[in-house]
Amino acid sequence: MEHIATSELPETLQQIFAEIQRTKTPLTVTHEGEPLVIIYPATSQPHRPAFGAMKGSGKILGDVIAPVISANIAILSRQIELAHQDPSDRFIAATAVYHQLTLATVDTNLTSASWLQTLS
């Protein structure tokens, strides 16, 4: 059950829900002293912060002491033949080639390269 009209509920519940919506205050329903459910007032749109949603979820493990992409991969990224010049795709393809990997992608810019082993 995902939805139910308030008209299908007892009058007491309708009054409680109206009060929750009016005061914008959640209500905790308990059973034998233990929380069973929390009822929150509805909002017109779900609120999700545009920035800062991941704040505090990362962990710094140390200083960067070497580039993420080796010099060999960087050079190879400029030598490979791709139909476009997107640097990200070039680094991805060069990394796969350098390490002799099959690249799992549905990106047609990469799957169309006959020399690149892809799985799509």
PDB file of N, CA and C in Angstrom:
ATOM      1  N   MET A   1       0.850  -1.172   0.000  1.00  0.00           N
ATOM      2  CA  MET A   1       0.000   0.000   0.000  1.00  0.00           C
ATOM      3  C   MET A   1       0.895   1.235   0.000  1.00  0.00           C
ATOM      4  N   GLU A   2       0.769   2.055  -1.026  1.00  0.00           N
ATOM      5  CA  GLU A   2       1.588   3.262  -1.127  1.00  0.00           C
ATOM      6  C   GLU A   2       0.806   4.530  -0.796  1.00  0.00           C
ATOM      7  N   HIS A   3      -0.494   4.538  -1.108  1.00  0.00           N
ATOM      8  CA  HIS A   3      -1.317   5.731  -0.898  1.00  0.00           C
ATOM      9  C   HIS A   3      -2.662   5.325  -0.320  1.00  0.00           C
ATOM     10  N   ILE A   4      -3.205   6.206   0.516  1.00  0.00           N
ATOM     11  CA  ILE A   4      -4.562   6.024   1.025  1.00  0.00           C
ATOM     12  C   ILE A   4      -5.142   7.410   1.262  1.00  0.00           C
ATOM     13  N   ALA A   5      -6.386   7.597   0.894  1.00  0.00           N
ATOM     14  CA  ALA A   5      -7.050   8.884   1.096  1.00  0.00           C
ATOM     15  C   ALA A   5      -7.398   9.043   2.572  1.00  0.00           C
ATOM     16  N   THR A   6      -7.276  10.269   3.082  1.00  0.00           N
ATOM     17  CA  THR A   6      -7.605  10.486   4.489  1.00  0.00           C
ATOM     18  C   THR A   6      -9.073  10.169   4.766  1.00  0.00           C
ATOM     19  N   SER A   7      -9.918  10.277   3.756  1.00  0.00           N
ATOM     20  CA  SER A   7     -11.348   9.971   3.947  1.00  0.00           C
ATOM     21  C   SER A   7     -11.562   8.504   4.312  1.00  0.00           C
ATOM     22  N   GLU A   8     -10.595   7.653   4.014  1.00  0.00           N
ATOM     23  CA  GLU A   8     -10.695   6.241   4.349  1.00  0.00           C
ATOM     24  C   GLU A   8     -10.195   5.953   5.771  1.00  0.00           C
ATOM     25  N   LEU A   9      -9.703   6.973   6.454  1.00  0.00           N
ATOM     26  CA  LEU A   9      -9.158   6.802   7.797  1.00  0.00           C
ATOM     27  C   LEU A   9     -10.149   7.289   8.854  1.00  0.00           C
ATOM     28  N   PRO A  10     -10.024   6.765  10.070  1.00  0.00           N
ATOM     29  CA  PRO A  10     -10.880   7.252  11.150  1.00  0.00           C
ATOM     30  C   PRO A  10     -10.674   8.750  11.390  1.00  0.00           C
ATOM     31  N   GLU A  11     -11.697   9.408  11.910  1.00  0.00           N
ATOM     32  CA  GLU A  11     -11.668  10.846  12.155  1.00  0.00           C
ATOM     33  C   GLU A  11     -10.495  11.247  13.047  1.00  0.00           C
ATOM     34  N   THR A  12     -10.161  10.426  14.031  1.00  0.00           N
ATOM     35  CA  THR A  12      -9.051  10.738  14.944  1.00  0.00           C
ATOM     36  C   THR A  12      -7.741  10.866  14.172  1.00  0.00           C
ATOM     37  N   LEU A  13      -7.486   9.927  13.263  1.00  0.00           N
ATOM     38  CA  LEU A  13      -6.266   9.991  12.465  1.00  0.00           C
ATOM     39  C   LEU A  13      -6.270  11.210  11.554  1.00  0.00           C
ATOM     40  N   GLN A  14      -7.408  11.543  10.987  1.00  0.00           N
ATOM     41  CA  GLN A  14      -7.488  12.718  10.129  1.00  0.00           C
ATOM     42  C   GLN A  14      -7.115  13.979  10.913  1.00  0.00           C
ATOM     43  N   GLN A  15      -7.572  14.072  12.143  1.00  0.00           N
ATOM     44  CA  GLN A  15      -7.259  15.231  12.983  1.00  0.00           C
ATOM     45  C   GLN A  15      -5.764  15.261  13.334  1.00  0.00           C
ATOM     46  N   ILE A  16      -5.208  14.099  13.647  1.00  0.00           N
ATOM     47  CA  ILE A  16      -3.783  14.020  13.980  1.00  0.00           C
ATOM     48  C   ILE A  16      -2.939  14.442  12.779  1.00  0.00           C
ATOM     49  N   PHE A  17      -3.282  13.936  11.595  1.00  0.00           N
ATOM     50  CA  PHE A  17      -2.528  14.271  10.392  1.00  0.00           C
ATOM     51  C   PHE A  17      -2.641  15.763  10.072  1.00  0.00           C
ATOM     52  N   ALA A  18      -3.822  16.329  10.253  1.00  0.00           N
ATOM     53  CA  ALA A  18      -4.007  17.760  10.005  1.00  0.00           C
ATOM     54  C   ALA A  18      -3.130  18.578  10.962  1.00  0.00           C
ATOM     55  N   GLU A  19      -3.028  18.127  12.213  1.00  0.00           N
ATOM     56  CA  GLU A  19      -2.196  18.824  13.201  1.00  0.00           C
ATOM     57  C   GLU A  19      -0.707  18.725  12.839  1.00  0.00           C
ATOM     58  N   ILE A  20      -0.271  17.542  12.386  1.00  0.00           N
ATOM     59  CA  ILE A  20       1.122  17.359  11.968  1.00  0.00           C
ATOM     60  C   ILE A  20       1.444  18.297  10.814  1.00  0.00           C
ATOM     61  N   GLN A  21       0.549  18.380   9.848  1.00  0.00           N
ATOM     62  CA  GLN A  21       0.773  19.243   8.689  1.00  0.00           C
ATOM     63  C   GLN A  21       0.748  20.717   9.092  1.00  0.00           C
ATOM     64  N   ARG A  22      -0.166  21.085   9.996  1.00  0.00           N
ATOM     65  CA  ARG A  22      -0.287  22.476  10.421  1.00  0.00           C
ATOM     66  C   ARG A  22       0.948  22.940  11.189  1.00  0.00           C
ATOM     67  N   THR A  23       1.437  22.101  12.111  1.00  0.00           N
ATOM     68  CA  THR A  23       2.560  22.501  12.960  1.00  0.00           C
ATOM     69  C   THR A  23       3.919  22.180  12.342  1.00  0.00           C
ATOM     70  N   LYS A  24       3.910  21.359  11.281  1.00  0.00           N
ATOM     71  CA  LYS A  24       5.155  20.918  10.622  1.00  0.00           C
ATOM     72  C   LYS A  24       6.064  20.178  11.610  1.00  0.00           C
ATOM     73  N   THR A  25       5.454  19.469  12.561  1.00  0.00           N
ATOM     74  CA  THR A  25       6.184  18.741  13.598  1.00  0.00           C
ATOM     75  C   THR A  25       5.951  17.242  13.431  1.00  0.00           C
ATOM     76  N   PRO A  26       7.022  16.434  13.382  1.00  0.00           N
ATOM     77  CA  PRO A  26       6.853  14.988  13.257  1.00  0.00           C
ATOM     78  C   PRO A  26       6.190  14.391  14.504  1.00  0.00           C
ATOM     79  N   LEU A  27       5.553  13.271  14.335  1.00  0.00           N
ATOM     80  CA  LEU A  27       4.906  12.550  15.434  1.00  0.00           C
ATOM     81  C   LEU A  27       5.451  11.133  15.476  1.00  0.00           C
ATOM     82  N   THR A  28       5.922  10.687  16.656  1.00  0.00           N
ATOM     83  CA  THR A  28       6.399   9.320  16.831  1.00  0.00           C
ATOM     84  C   THR A  28       5.275   8.491  17.432  1.00  0.00           C
ATOM     85  N   VAL A  29       4.912   7.428  16.750  1.00  0.00           N
ATOM     86  CA  VAL A  29       3.883   6.503  17.236  1.00  0.00           C
ATOM     87  C   VAL A  29       4.612   5.341  17.893  1.00  0.00           C
ATOM     88  N   THR A  30       4.202   5.001  19.123  1.00  0.00           N
ATOM     89  CA  THR A  30       4.872   3.932  19.857  1.00  0.00           C
ATOM     90  C   THR A  30       3.937   2.740  20.058  1.00  0.00           C
ATOM     91  N   HIS A  31       4.535   1.600  20.309  1.00  0.00           N
ATOM     92  CA  HIS A  31       3.807   0.375  20.653  1.00  0.00           C
ATOM     93  C   HIS A  31       4.543  -0.248  21.830  1.00  0.00           C
ATOM     94  N   GLU A  32       3.843  -0.357  22.952  1.00  0.00           N
ATOM     95  CA  GLU A  32       4.435  -0.880  24.184  1.00  0.00           C
ATOM     96  C   GLU A  32       5.701  -0.114  24.556  1.00  0.00           C
ATOM     97  N   GLY A  33       5.655   1.206  24.349  1.00  0.00           N
ATOM     98  CA  GLY A  33       6.762   2.067  24.740  1.00  0.00           C
ATOM     99  C   GLY A  33       7.903   2.158  23.741  1.00  0.00           C
ATOM    100  N   GLU A  34       7.848   1.398  22.674  1.00  0.00           N
ATOM    101  CA  GLU A  34       8.907   1.397  21.665  1.00  0.00           C
ATOM    102  C   GLU A  34       8.431   2.138  20.410  1.00  0.00           C
ATOM    103  N   PRO A  35       9.296   2.973  19.815  1.00  0.00           N
ATOM    104  CA  PRO A  35       8.905   3.663  18.578  1.00  0.00           C
ATOM    105  C   PRO A  35       8.533   2.663  17.484  1.00  0.00           C
ATOM    106  N   LEU A  36       7.410   2.900  16.854  1.00  0.00           N
ATOM    107  CA  LEU A  36       6.922   2.029  15.785  1.00  0.00           C
ATOM    108  C   LEU A  36       7.062   2.708  14.428  1.00  0.00           C
ATOM    109  N   VAL A  37       6.700   3.979  14.378  1.00  0.00           N
ATOM    110  CA  VAL A  37       6.764   4.738  13.130  1.00  0.00           C
ATOM    111  C   VAL A  37       6.829   6.221  13.467  1.00  0.00           C
ATOM    112  N   ILE A  38       7.494   6.972  12.601  1.00  0.00           N
ATOM    113  CA  ILE A  38       7.526   8.430  12.754  1.00  0.00           C
ATOM    114  C   ILE A  38       6.802   9.014  11.548  1.00  0.00           C
ATOM    115  N   ILE A  39       5.846   9.863  11.810  1.00  0.00           N
ATOM    116  CA  ILE A  39       5.065  10.495  10.746  1.00  0.00           C
ATOM    117  C   ILE A  39       5.558  11.931  10.593  1.00  0.00           C
ATOM    118  N   TYR A  40       6.026  12.243   9.388  1.00  0.00           N
ATOM    119  CA  TYR A  40       6.543  13.572   9.084  1.00  0.00           C
ATOM    120  C   TYR A  40       5.540  14.330   8.232  1.00  0.00           C
ATOM    121  N   PRO A  41       5.481  15.654   8.379  1.00  0.00           N
ATOM    122  CA  PRO A  41       4.602  16.427   7.503  1.00  0.00           C
ATOM    123  C   PRO A  41       5.112  16.381   6.068  1.00  0.00           C
ATOM    124  N   ALA A  42       4.210  16.304   5.129  1.00  0.00           N
ATOM    125  CA  ALA A  42       4.583  16.269   3.710  1.00  0.00           C
ATOM    126  C   ALA A  42       5.041  17.646   3.261  1.00  0.00           C
ATOM    127  N   THR A  43       5.960  17.668   2.306  1.00  0.00           N
ATOM    128  CA  THR A  43       6.397  18.907   1.685  1.00  0.00           C
ATOM    129  C   THR A  43       6.070  18.821   0.202  1.00  0.00           C
ATOM    130  N   SER A  44       5.995  19.962  -0.444  1.00  0.00           N
ATOM    131  CA  SER A  44       5.643  19.961  -1.858  1.00  0.00           C
ATOM    132  C   SER A  44       6.727  19.328  -2.710  1.00  0.00           C
ATOM    133  N   GLN A  45       7.981  19.485  -2.301  1.00  0.00           N
ATOM    134  CA  GLN A  45       9.092  18.885  -3.029  1.00  0.00           C
ATOM    135  C   GLN A  45      10.063  18.304  -2.020  1.00  0.00           C
ATOM    136  N   PRO A  46      10.608  17.131  -2.330  1.00  0.00           N
ATOM    137  CA  PRO A  46      11.614  16.594  -1.423  1.00  0.00           C
ATOM    138  C   PRO A  46      12.829  17.518  -1.377  1.00  0.00           C
ATOM    139  N   HIS A  47      13.356  17.736  -0.197  1.00  0.00           N
ATOM    140  CA  HIS A  47      14.498  18.638  -0.044  1.00  0.00           C
ATOM    141  C   HIS A  47      15.783  17.830  -0.024  1.00  0.00           C
ATOM    142  N   ARG A  48      16.645  18.141  -0.960  1.00  0.00           N
ATOM    143  CA  ARG A  48      17.963  17.523  -1.017  1.00  0.00           C
ATOM    144  C   ARG A  48      18.963  18.624  -1.280  1.00  0.00           C
ATOM    145  N   PRO A  49      19.913  18.793  -0.393  1.00  0.00           N
ATOM    146  CA  PRO A  49      20.868  19.883  -0.610  1.00  0.00           C
ATOM    147  C   PRO A  49      21.638  19.698  -1.908  1.00  0.00           C
ATOM    148  N   ALA A  50      21.781  20.791  -2.651  1.00  0.00           N
ATOM    149  CA  ALA A  50      22.520  20.722  -3.911  1.00  0.00           C
ATOM    150  C   ALA A  50      24.010  20.551  -3.659  1.00  0.00           C
ATOM    151  N   PHE A  51      24.486  21.164  -2.609  1.00  0.00           N
ATOM    152  CA  PHE A  51      25.898  21.085  -2.283  1.00  0.00           C
ATOM    153  C   PHE A  51      26.045  20.599  -0.845  1.00  0.00           C
ATOM    154  N   GLY A  52      27.081  19.842  -0.610  1.00  0.00           N
ATOM    155  CA  GLY A  52      27.366  19.397   0.745  1.00  0.00           C
ATOM    156  C   GLY A  52      26.695  18.101   1.142  1.00  0.00           C
ATOM    157  N   ALA A  53      26.023  17.431   0.203  1.00  0.00           N
ATOM    158  CA  ALA A  53      25.340  16.190   0.538  1.00  0.00           C
ATOM    159  C   ALA A  53      26.309  15.107   0.988  1.00  0.00           C
ATOM    160  N   MET A  54      27.530  15.150   0.525  1.00  0.00           N
ATOM    161  CA  MET A  54      28.530  14.135   0.873  1.00  0.00           C
ATOM    162  C   MET A  54      29.508  14.635   1.943  1.00  0.00           C
ATOM    163  N   LYS A  55      29.231  15.827   2.505  1.00  0.00           N
ATOM    164  CA  LYS A  55      30.139  16.420   3.485  1.00  0.00           C
ATOM    165  C   LYS A  55      30.398  15.450   4.641  1.00  0.00           C
ATOM    166  N   GLY A  56      31.663  15.293   4.961  1.00  0.00           N
ATOM    167  CA  GLY A  56      32.043  14.445   6.086  1.00  0.00           C
ATOM    168  C   GLY A  56      32.116  12.963   5.765  1.00  0.00           C
ATOM    169  N   SER A  57      31.840  12.573   4.524  1.00  0.00           N
ATOM    170  CA  SER A  57      31.835  11.147   4.185  1.00  0.00           C
ATOM    171  C   SER A  57      33.179  10.666   3.630  1.00  0.00           C
ATOM    172  N   GLY A  58      34.065  11.590   3.318  1.00  0.00           N
ATOM    173  CA  GLY A  58      35.372  11.206   2.776  1.00  0.00           C
ATOM    174  C   GLY A  58      36.421  11.121   3.872  1.00  0.00           C
ATOM    175  N   LYS A  59      37.528  10.520   3.538  1.00  0.00           N
ATOM    176  CA  LYS A  59      38.614  10.384   4.495  1.00  0.00           C
ATOM    177  C   LYS A  59      39.934  10.627   3.770  1.00  0.00           C
ATOM    178  N   ILE A  60      40.749  11.505   4.317  1.00  0.00           N
ATOM    179  CA  ILE A  60      42.067  11.777   3.740  1.00  0.00           C
ATOM    180  C   ILE A  60      43.028  10.723   4.266  1.00  0.00           C
ATOM    181  N   LEU A  61      43.634   9.981   3.351  1.00  0.00           N
ATOM    182  CA  LEU A  61      44.526   8.891   3.741  1.00  0.00           C
ATOM    183  C   LEU A  61      45.991   9.285   3.718  1.00  0.00           C
ATOM    184  N   GLY A  62      46.307  10.411   3.129  1.00  0.00           N
ATOM    185  CA  GLY A  62      47.699  10.851   3.066  1.00  0.00           C
ATOM    186  C   GLY A  62      47.881  11.863   1.964  1.00  0.00           C
ATOM    187  N   ASP A  63      49.102  12.281   1.751  1.00  0.00           N
ATOM    188  CA  ASP A  63      49.415  13.259   0.725  1.00  0.00           C
ATOM    189  C   ASP A  63      49.592  12.570  -0.621  1.00  0.00           C
ATOM    190  N   VAL A  64      49.310  13.314  -1.685  1.00  0.00           N
ATOM    191  CA  VAL A  64      49.564  12.818  -3.027  1.00  0.00           C
ATOM    192  C   VAL A  64      51.063  12.902  -3.259  1.00  0.00           C
ATOM    193  N   ILE A  65      51.670  11.756  -3.531  1.00  0.00           N
ATOM    194  CA  ILE A  65      53.124  11.748  -3.720  1.00  0.00           C
ATOM    195  C   ILE A  65      53.517  11.387  -5.144  1.00  0.00           C
ATOM    196  N   ALA A  66      52.522  11.011  -5.959  1.00  0.00           N
ATOM    197  CA  ALA A  66      52.806  10.681  -7.356  1.00  0.00           C
ATOM    198  C   ALA A  66      51.555  10.996  -8.166  1.00  0.00           C
ATOM    199  N   PRO A  67      51.722  11.297  -9.432  1.00  0.00           N
ATOM    200  CA  PRO A  67      50.539  11.551 -10.258  1.00  0.00           C
ATOM    201  C   PRO A  67      49.672  10.299 -10.364  1.00  0.00           C
ATOM    202  N   VAL A  68      48.388  10.507 -10.503  1.00  0.00           N
ATOM    203  CA  VAL A  68      47.459   9.394 -10.633  1.00  0.00           C
ATOM    204  C   VAL A  68      47.689   8.666 -11.957  1.00  0.00           C
ATOM    205  N   ILE A  69      47.997   9.421 -12.988  1.00  0.00           N
ATOM    206  CA  ILE A  69      48.254   8.834 -14.307  1.00  0.00           C
ATOM    207  C   ILE A  69      49.758   8.876 -14.554  1.00  0.00           C
ATOM    208  N   SER A  70      50.313   7.747 -14.923  1.00  0.00           N
ATOM    209  CA  SER A  70      51.757   7.687 -15.163  1.00  0.00           C
ATOM    210  C   SER A  70      52.117   8.444 -16.438  1.00  0.00           C
ATOM    211  N   ALA A  71      53.381   8.756 -16.557  1.00  0.00           N
ATOM    212  CA  ALA A  71      53.871   9.447 -17.751  1.00  0.00           C
ATOM    213  C   ALA A  71      53.626   8.603 -18.998  1.00  0.00           C
ATOM    214  N   ASN A  72      53.799   7.282 -18.880  1.00  0.00           N
ATOM    215  CA  ASN A  72      53.583   6.392 -20.031  1.00  0.00           C
ATOM    216  C   ASN A  72      52.130   6.461 -20.518  1.00  0.00           C
ATOM    217  N   ILE A  73      51.188   6.483 -19.581  1.00  0.00           N
ATOM    218  CA  ILE A  73      49.767   6.559 -19.962  1.00  0.00           C
ATOM    219  C   ILE A  73      49.453   7.927 -20.551  1.00  0.00           C
ATOM    220  N   ALA A  74      50.025   8.971 -19.992  1.00  0.00           N
ATOM    221  CA  ALA A  74      49.801  10.320 -20.525  1.00  0.00           C
ATOM    222  C   ALA A  74      50.299  10.429 -21.960  1.00  0.00           C
ATOM    223  N   ILE A  75      51.475   9.893 -22.225  1.00  0.00           N
ATOM    224  CA  ILE A  75      52.031   9.928 -23.590  1.00  0.00           C
ATOM    225  C   ILE A  75      51.170   9.091 -24.525  1.00  0.00           C
ATOM    226  N   LEU A  76      50.794   7.902 -24.079  1.00  0.00           N
ATOM    227  CA  LEU A  76      49.964   7.017 -24.901  1.00  0.00           C
ATOM    228  C   LEU A  76      48.616   7.664 -25.221  1.00  0.00           C
ATOM    229  N   SER A  77      48.074   8.434 -24.279  1.00  0.00           N
ATOM    230  CA  SER A  77      46.771   9.070 -24.498  1.00  0.00           C
ATOM    231  C   SER A  77      46.797  10.038 -25.675  1.00  0.00           C
ATOM    232  N   ARG A  78      47.980  10.585 -25.991  1.00  0.00           N
ATOM    233  CA  ARG A  78      48.106  11.497 -27.129  1.00  0.00           C
ATOM    234  C   ARG A  78      48.462  10.763 -28.413  1.00  0.00           C
ATOM    235  N   GLN A  79      48.854   9.510 -28.323  1.00  0.00           N
ATOM    236  CA  GLN A  79      49.248   8.739 -29.507  1.00  0.00           C
ATOM    237  C   GLN A  79      48.107   7.902 -30.074  1.00  0.00           C
ATOM    238  N   ILE A  80      47.110   7.608 -29.268  1.00  0.00           N
ATOM    239  CA  ILE A  80      46.019   6.743 -29.740  1.00  0.00           C
ATOM    240  C   ILE A  80      45.096   7.505 -30.689  1.00  0.00           C
ATOM    241  N   GLU A  81      44.441   6.747 -31.553  1.00  0.00           N
ATOM    242  CA  GLU A  81      43.503   7.321 -32.522  1.00  0.00           C
ATOM    243  C   GLU A  81      42.083   7.230 -31.977  1.00  0.00           C
ATOM    244  N   LEU A  82      41.501   8.377 -31.668  1.00  0.00           N
ATOM    245  CA  LEU A  82      40.089   8.450 -31.282  1.00  0.00           C
ATOM    246  C   LEU A  82      39.415   9.480 -32.169  1.00  0.00           C
ATOM    247  N   ALA A  83      38.140   9.289 -32.410  1.00  0.00           N
ATOM    248  CA  ALA A  83      37.404  10.188 -33.297  1.00  0.00           C
ATOM    249  C   ALA A  83      37.203  11.574 -32.685  1.00  0.00           C
ATOM    250  N   HIS A  84      37.434  11.700 -31.415  1.00  0.00           N
ATOM    251  CA  HIS A  84      37.252  12.986 -30.743  1.00  0.00           C
ATOM    252  C   HIS A  84      38.444  13.243 -29.821  1.00  0.00           C
ATOM    253  N   GLN A  85      38.500  14.426 -29.256  1.00  0.00           N
ATOM    254  CA  GLN A  85      39.658  14.819 -28.462  1.00  0.00           C
ATOM    255  C   GLN A  85      39.377  14.893 -26.956  1.00  0.00           C
ATOM    256  N   ASP A  86      38.323  14.265 -26.481  1.00  0.00           N
ATOM    257  CA  ASP A  86      37.982  14.307 -25.055  1.00  0.00           C
ATOM    258  C   ASP A  86      39.122  13.720 -24.223  1.00  0.00           C
ATOM    259  N   PRO A  87      39.773  14.536 -23.385  1.00  0.00           N
ATOM    260  CA  PRO A  87      40.926  14.039 -22.626  1.00  0.00           C
ATOM    261  C   PRO A  87      40.565  12.910 -21.655  1.00  0.00           C
ATOM    262  N   SER A  88      39.385  12.954 -21.082  1.00  0.00           N
ATOM    263  CA  SER A  88      38.985  11.884 -20.153  1.00  0.00           C
ATOM    264  C   SER A  88      38.908  10.548 -20.872  1.00  0.00           C
ATOM    265  N   ASP A  89      38.256  10.530 -22.037  1.00  0.00           N
ATOM    266  CA  ASP A  89      38.173   9.288 -22.812  1.00  0.00           C
ATOM    267  C   ASP A  89      39.556   8.815 -23.237  1.00  0.00           C
ATOM    268  N   ARG A  90      40.423   9.763 -23.583  1.00  0.00           N
ATOM    269  CA  ARG A  90      41.783   9.393 -23.998  1.00  0.00           C
ATOM    270  C   ARG A  90      42.546   8.734 -22.837  1.00  0.00           C
ATOM    271  N   PHE A  91      42.420   9.298 -21.630  1.00  0.00           N
ATOM    272  CA  PHE A  91      43.095   8.703 -20.465  1.00  0.00           C
ATOM    273  C   PHE A  91      42.513   7.333 -20.121  1.00  0.00           C
ATOM    274  N   ILE A  92      41.180   7.207 -20.219  1.00  0.00           N
ATOM    275  CA  ILE A  92      40.530   5.923 -19.937  1.00  0.00           C
ATOM    276  C   ILE A  92      41.008   4.862 -20.920  1.00  0.00           C
ATOM    277  N   ALA A  93      40.980   5.193 -22.211  1.00  0.00           N
ATOM    278  CA  ALA A  93      41.400   4.239 -23.242  1.00  0.00           C
ATOM    279  C   ALA A  93      42.876   3.907 -23.104  1.00  0.00           C
ATOM    280  N   ALA A  94      43.711   4.902 -22.885  1.00  0.00           N
ATOM    281  CA  ALA A  94      45.155   4.672 -22.762  1.00  0.00           C
ATOM    282  C   ALA A  94      45.470   3.800 -21.545  1.00  0.00           C
ATOM    283  N   THR A  95      44.757   4.008 -20.457  1.00  0.00           N
ATOM    284  CA  THR A  95      44.965   3.189 -19.256  1.00  0.00           C
ATOM    285  C   THR A  95      44.610   1.738 -19.525  1.00  0.00           C
ATOM    286  N   ALA A  96      43.486   1.521 -20.219  1.00  0.00           N
ATOM    287  CA  ALA A  96      43.074   0.149 -20.556  1.00  0.00           C
ATOM    288  C   ALA A  96      44.100  -0.520 -21.464  1.00  0.00           C
ATOM    289  N   VAL A  97      44.566   0.197 -22.457  1.00  0.00           N
ATOM    290  CA  VAL A  97      45.555  -0.359 -23.385  1.00  0.00           C
ATOM    291  C   VAL A  97      46.868  -0.641 -22.657  1.00  0.00           C
ATOM    292  N   TYR A  98      47.333   0.304 -21.884  1.00  0.00           N
ATOM    293  CA  TYR A  98      48.617   0.169 -21.192  1.00  0.00           C
ATOM    294  C   TYR A  98      48.635  -1.054 -20.265  1.00  0.00           C
ATOM    295  N   HIS A  99      47.519  -1.263 -19.569  1.00  0.00           N
ATOM    296  CA  HIS A  99      47.439  -2.388 -18.628  1.00  0.00           C
ATOM    297  C   HIS A  99      46.834  -3.647 -19.261  1.00  0.00           C
ATOM    298  N   GLN A 100      46.599  -3.604 -20.576  1.00  0.00           N
ATOM    299  CA  GLN A 100      46.035  -4.731 -21.331  1.00  0.00           C
ATOM    300  C   GLN A 100      44.719  -5.209 -20.714  1.00  0.00           C
ATOM    301  N   LEU A 101      43.803  -4.255 -20.516  1.00  0.00           N
ATOM    302  CA  LEU A 101      42.504  -4.538 -19.908  1.00  0.00           C
ATOM    303  C   LEU A 101      41.396  -4.446 -20.940  1.00  0.00           C
ATOM    304  N   THR A 102      40.310  -5.149 -20.682  1.00  0.00           N
ATOM    305  CA  THR A 102      39.093  -4.980 -21.469  1.00  0.00           C
ATOM    306  C   THR A 102      38.265  -3.917 -20.775  1.00  0.00           C
ATOM    307  N   LEU A 103      37.862  -2.908 -21.519  1.00  0.00           N
ATOM    308  CA  LEU A 103      37.140  -1.769 -20.962  1.00  0.00           C
ATOM    309  C   LEU A 103      35.634  -2.026 -21.035  1.00  0.00           C
ATOM    310  N   ALA A 104      34.952  -1.994 -19.903  1.00  0.00           N
ATOM    311  CA  ALA A 104      33.490  -2.142 -19.866  1.00  0.00           C
ATOM    312  C   ALA A 104      32.874  -0.756 -20.019  1.00  0.00           C
ATOM    313  N   THR A 105      32.237  -0.518 -21.157  1.00  0.00           N
ATOM    314  CA  THR A 105      31.644   0.791 -21.428  1.00  0.00           C
ATOM    315  C   THR A 105      30.556   0.668 -22.494  1.00  0.00           C
ATOM    316  N   VAL A 106      29.634   1.609 -22.471  1.00  0.00           N
ATOM    317  CA  VAL A 106      28.652   1.722 -23.552  1.00  0.00           C
ATOM    318  C   VAL A 106      28.882   3.007 -24.341  1.00  0.00           C
ATOM    319  N   ASP A 107      29.954   3.707 -24.028  1.00  0.00           N
ATOM    320  CA  ASP A 107      30.304   4.946 -24.714  1.00  0.00           C
ATOM    321  C   ASP A 107      30.721   4.619 -26.144  1.00  0.00           C
ATOM    322  N   THR A 108      29.909   5.027 -27.108  1.00  0.00           N
ATOM    323  CA  THR A 108      30.189   4.706 -28.513  1.00  0.00           C
ATOM    324  C   THR A 108      31.475   5.363 -29.010  1.00  0.00           C
ATOM    325  N   ASN A 109      31.913   6.442 -28.355  1.00  0.00           N
ATOM    326  CA  ASN A 109      33.187   7.048 -28.726  1.00  0.00           C
ATOM    327  C   ASN A 109      34.344   6.090 -28.453  1.00  0.00           C
ATOM    328  N   LEU A 110      34.157   5.201 -27.483  1.00  0.00           N
ATOM    329  CA  LEU A 110      35.203   4.230 -27.153  1.00  0.00           C
ATOM    330  C   LEU A 110      34.944   2.878 -27.816  1.00  0.00           C
ATOM    331  N   THR A 111      33.699   2.431 -27.844  1.00  0.00           N
ATOM    332  CA  THR A 111      33.402   1.123 -28.443  1.00  0.00           C
ATOM    333  C   THR A 111      33.641   1.112 -29.949  1.00  0.00           C
ATOM    334  N   SER A 112      33.626   2.286 -30.571  1.00  0.00           N
ATOM    335  CA  SER A 112      33.846   2.347 -32.025  1.00  0.00           C
ATOM    336  C   SER A 112      35.325   2.230 -32.398  1.00  0.00           C
ATOM    337  N   ALA A 113      36.210   2.319 -31.428  1.00  0.00           N
ATOM    338  CA  ALA A 113      37.645   2.172 -31.702  1.00  0.00           C
ATOM    339  C   ALA A 113      37.966   0.687 -31.820  1.00  0.00           C
ATOM    340  N   SER A 114      38.269   0.234 -33.030  1.00  0.00           N
ATOM    341  CA  SER A 114      38.477  -1.202 -33.280  1.00  0.00           C
ATOM    342  C   SER A 114      39.690  -1.765 -32.540  1.00  0.00           C
ATOM    343  N   TRP A 115      40.653  -0.937 -32.227  1.00  0.00           N
ATOM    344  CA  TRP A 115      41.867  -1.377 -31.562  1.00  0.00           C
ATOM    345  C   TRP A 115      41.710  -1.505 -30.046  1.00  0.00           C
ATOM    346  N   LEU A 116      40.572  -1.018 -29.512  1.00  0.00           N
ATOM    347  CA  LEU A 116      40.355  -1.021 -28.053  1.00  0.00           C
ATOM    348  C   LEU A 116      39.431  -2.181 -27.681  1.00  0.00           C
ATOM    349  N   GLN A 117      39.895  -3.045 -26.772  1.00  0.00           N
ATOM    350  CA  GLN A 117      39.061  -4.165 -26.316  1.00  0.00           C
ATOM    351  C   GLN A 117      37.996  -3.627 -25.380  1.00  0.00           C
ATOM    352  N   THR A 118      36.719  -3.753 -25.795  1.00  0.00           N
ATOM    353  CA  THR A 118      35.630  -3.256 -24.969  1.00  0.00           C
ATOM    354  C   THR A 118      34.583  -4.329 -24.759  1.00  0.00           C
ATOM    355  N   LEU A 119      33.861  -4.174 -23.689  1.00  0.00           N
ATOM    356  CA  LEU A 119      32.722  -5.029 -23.343  1.00  0.00           C
ATOM    357  C   LEU A 119      31.566  -4.088 -23.061  1.00  0.00           C
ATOM    358  N   SER A 120      30.532  -4.176 -23.906  1.00  0.00           N
ATOM    359  CA  SER A 120      29.408  -3.231 -23.703  1.00  0.00           C
ATOM    360  C   SER A 120      28.105  -3.982 -23.530  1.00  0.00           C
TER     361      SER A 120
END
